[in-house]
Amino acid sequence: MPRGATVEPAAPLALPTRSARVAAALAAAGLPGTVRRLADSARTAAEAAAALGCEAGAIANSLVFVSDGEPVLVLTSGRHRVDTAALAARWGRGPLHRATPEQVREATGQAIGGVAPTGHPRPLPTVVDRALTDYPQVWAAAGTPHTVFPTTTEELLRLTRGTLLPVGP
């Protein structure tokens, strides 16, 4: 971990409401990841990687798109961008369009920069980036730009009932 970076387990009562929902969903799924509060923002993969002392590729970004008239979730490695045309074709869906901040909040109950893979009002169709399998541990947002949890690709697949696909070109 870089000098000066702090990652502390957050006390359950100290968690913001959105992060408490994520912690409850992790516990209900029997996953061991503990929601942690970061001193620094983890709004982007680069910020999260710097705060956690890991590669940007080990950050599981939660991105919301709209496809076929419904919100969908793409959990992508922080090391690259989503190729929306290629992913839509692989996934067998219509075109993927970035959700607006309002659509993201409506679909997840969370704001851009802190969207977690879980803790949403209802499950979303989800793709998990195959590139995340390159890392034994990945980090995902936990409902706010200052909360994260450690997990694995296998746990993300189980938690979201997602489909493992490459999301890049």
Protein backbone atom coordinates (compact mmCIF):
# COMPACT_ATOMS: atom_id res chain seq x y z
CA MET A 1 0.00 0.00 0.00
CA PRO A 2 1.40 3.43 -0.85
CA ARG A 3 2.69 5.53 1.99
CA GLY A 4 -0.05 7.66 3.47
CA ALA A 5 -2.91 5.57 1.99
CA THR A 6 -5.43 4.31 4.47
CA VAL A 7 -7.94 1.52 4.09
CA GLU A 8 -9.91 0.92 7.23
CA PRO A 9 -12.81 -1.45 7.83
CA ALA A 10 -15.83 0.78 8.36
CA ALA A 11 -17.91 0.16 11.45
CA PRO A 12 -21.30 -1.25 10.33
CA LEU A 13 -23.21 1.61 11.97
CA ALA A 14 -20.88 4.18 10.38
CA LEU A 15 -21.64 3.09 6.81
CA PRO A 16 -23.69 5.37 4.58
CA THR A 17 -27.12 3.91 3.79
CA ARG A 18 -26.12 2.93 0.25
CA SER A 19 -23.01 1.13 1.51
CA ALA A 20 -24.98 -0.60 4.27
CA ARG A 21 -27.26 -2.04 1.54
CA VAL A 22 -24.19 -3.35 -0.27
CA ALA A 23 -22.80 -4.87 2.95
CA ALA A 24 -26.18 -6.54 3.60
CA ALA A 25 -26.27 -7.96 0.06
CA LEU A 26 -22.72 -9.35 0.47
CA ALA A 27 -23.65 -10.94 3.79
CA ALA A 28 -26.89 -12.39 2.36
CA ALA A 29 -24.87 -13.95 -0.48
CA GLY A 30 -22.41 -15.43 2.04
CA LEU A 31 -19.48 -13.48 0.62
CA PRO A 32 -16.56 -12.62 2.88
CA GLY A 33 -15.78 -9.13 1.53
CA THR A 34 -16.05 -6.37 4.11
CA VAL A 35 -17.05 -2.88 3.03
CA ARG A 36 -14.20 -0.50 3.74
CA ARG A 37 -14.11 3.27 3.88
CA LEU A 38 -11.29 5.03 2.01
CA ALA A 39 -9.81 8.34 3.10
CA ASP A 40 -9.43 9.31 -0.56
CA SER A 41 -12.01 9.20 -3.34
CA ALA A 42 -12.27 6.06 -5.46
CA ARG A 43 -14.56 7.70 -8.06
CA THR A 44 -12.32 6.49 -10.92
CA ALA A 45 -10.28 3.32 -11.39
CA ALA A 46 -7.07 5.36 -11.20
CA GLU A 47 -8.13 6.98 -7.91
CA ALA A 48 -9.22 3.64 -6.46
CA ALA A 49 -6.00 1.91 -7.51
CA ALA A 50 -3.91 4.70 -5.98
CA ALA A 51 -5.87 4.57 -2.72
CA LEU A 52 -5.66 0.77 -2.52
CA GLY A 53 -2.11 0.30 -3.82
CA CYS A 54 -3.12 -2.05 -6.64
CA GLU A 55 -3.17 -2.03 -10.43
CA ALA A 56 -6.02 -0.17 -12.12
CA GLY A 57 -6.92 -3.46 -13.82
CA ALA A 58 -7.88 -4.93 -10.44
CA ILE A 59 -10.62 -2.33 -10.03
CA ALA A 60 -14.04 -3.61 -11.10
CA ASN A 61 -15.79 -0.54 -12.50
CA SER A 62 -19.60 -0.75 -12.38
CA LEU A 63 -20.93 0.96 -15.49
CA VAL A 64 -24.62 1.29 -16.30
CA PHE A 65 -25.82 1.25 -19.89
CA VAL A 66 -29.26 1.12 -21.46
CA SER A 67 -29.93 -1.67 -23.94
CA ASP A 68 -33.21 -2.87 -25.39
CA GLY A 69 -35.03 -0.30 -23.23
CA GLU A 70 -33.64 -1.51 -19.89
CA PRO A 71 -30.66 -0.67 -17.69
CA VAL A 72 -27.81 -3.18 -17.74
CA LEU A 73 -24.64 -3.38 -15.66
CA VAL A 74 -21.15 -3.95 -17.03
CA LEU A 75 -18.40 -4.74 -14.53
CA THR A 76 -15.22 -3.89 -16.39
CA SER A 77 -11.57 -4.01 -15.47
CA GLY A 78 -10.16 -0.54 -14.86
CA ARG A 79 -7.40 -1.24 -17.37
CA HIS A 80 -9.57 -0.60 -20.43
CA ARG A 81 -12.79 0.83 -21.83
CA VAL A 82 -15.90 -1.01 -22.93
CA ASP A 83 -16.27 -1.57 -26.68
CA THR A 84 -20.05 -1.17 -26.67
CA ALA A 85 -20.63 -2.48 -30.21
CA ALA A 86 -18.49 -5.58 -29.69
CA LEU A 87 -20.00 -6.27 -26.26
CA ALA A 88 -23.59 -5.88 -27.49
CA ALA A 89 -22.87 -8.40 -30.27
CA ARG A 90 -21.20 -10.89 -27.89
CA TRP A 91 -24.00 -10.51 -25.35
CA GLY A 92 -26.75 -10.80 -27.96
CA ARG A 93 -28.31 -7.47 -27.02
CA GLY A 94 -29.27 -4.31 -28.87
CA PRO A 95 -26.93 -1.30 -28.87
CA LEU A 96 -25.50 -0.22 -25.52
CA HIS A 97 -25.86 3.47 -24.65
CA ARG A 98 -24.35 5.11 -21.55
CA ALA A 99 -27.03 5.71 -18.96
CA THR A 100 -27.56 9.29 -17.79
CA PRO A 101 -26.76 10.09 -14.16
CA GLU A 102 -30.52 10.07 -13.46
CA GLN A 103 -30.94 6.64 -15.11
CA VAL A 104 -27.99 5.30 -13.09
CA ARG A 105 -29.49 6.51 -9.81
CA GLU A 106 -32.94 5.19 -10.70
CA ALA A 107 -31.58 1.74 -11.68
CA THR A 108 -29.10 1.33 -8.82
CA GLY A 109 -30.04 3.79 -6.06
CA GLN A 110 -26.40 4.90 -6.27
CA ALA A 111 -24.56 7.79 -7.94
CA ILE A 112 -21.96 7.54 -10.68
CA GLY A 113 -18.52 7.10 -9.12
CA GLY A 114 -19.78 4.82 -6.36
CA VAL A 115 -22.00 2.30 -8.14
CA ALA A 116 -21.63 -1.14 -6.61
CA PRO A 117 -22.31 -4.46 -8.35
CA THR A 118 -25.11 -5.11 -5.84
CA GLY A 119 -27.44 -3.39 -3.39
CA HIS A 120 -29.74 -2.13 -6.16
CA PRO A 121 -33.54 -1.90 -5.96
CA ARG A 122 -33.72 -4.88 -8.34
CA PRO A 123 -31.12 -7.09 -10.06
CA LEU A 124 -29.80 -5.85 -13.41
CA PRO A 125 -28.69 -7.97 -16.36
CA THR A 126 -24.93 -8.01 -15.85
CA VAL A 127 -21.72 -8.77 -17.72
CA VAL A 128 -18.49 -9.34 -15.82
CA ASP A 129 -15.33 -8.54 -17.79
CA ARG A 130 -13.20 -11.60 -18.51
CA ALA A 131 -10.09 -9.42 -17.91
CA LEU A 132 -10.92 -9.38 -14.18
CA THR A 133 -9.96 -13.09 -14.06
CA ASP A 134 -6.31 -11.96 -14.39
CA TYR A 135 -6.41 -10.78 -10.76
CA PRO A 136 -6.78 -13.05 -7.70
CA GLN A 137 -8.47 -10.18 -5.86
CA VAL A 138 -10.42 -7.27 -7.31
CA TRP A 139 -11.98 -4.24 -5.68
CA ALA A 140 -15.47 -2.92 -6.34
CA ALA A 141 -17.28 0.21 -5.23
CA ALA A 142 -19.68 -0.20 -2.33
CA GLY A 143 -22.30 2.45 -3.05
CA THR A 144 -20.29 5.66 -2.58
CA PRO A 145 -17.03 7.08 -3.99
CA HIS A 146 -15.36 6.43 -0.61
CA THR A 147 -16.41 2.82 0.05
CA VAL A 148 -15.10 -0.37 -1.57
CA PHE A 149 -14.97 -4.10 -0.94
CA PRO A 150 -12.54 -6.84 -1.95
CA THR A 151 -13.87 -9.73 -3.99
CA THR A 152 -13.06 -12.14 -6.82
CA THR A 153 -14.39 -12.52 -10.33
CA GLU A 154 -16.10 -15.76 -9.31
CA GLU A 155 -17.83 -13.98 -6.42
CA LEU A 156 -18.95 -11.16 -8.72
CA LEU A 157 -20.45 -13.69 -11.12
CA ARG A 158 -22.31 -15.41 -8.29
CA LEU A 159 -23.41 -12.14 -6.66
CA THR A 160 -24.78 -10.62 -9.88
CA ARG A 161 -25.76 -13.81 -11.72
CA GLY A 162 -23.69 -12.21 -14.45
CA THR A 163 -22.27 -13.49 -17.69
CA LEU A 164 -18.48 -13.63 -18.15
CA LEU A 165 -17.51 -11.96 -21.44
CA PRO A 166 -14.65 -9.87 -22.82
CA VAL A 167 -15.82 -6.26 -22.87
CA GLY A 168 -12.96 -4.78 -24.91
CA PRO A 169 -12.39 -4.97 -28.66
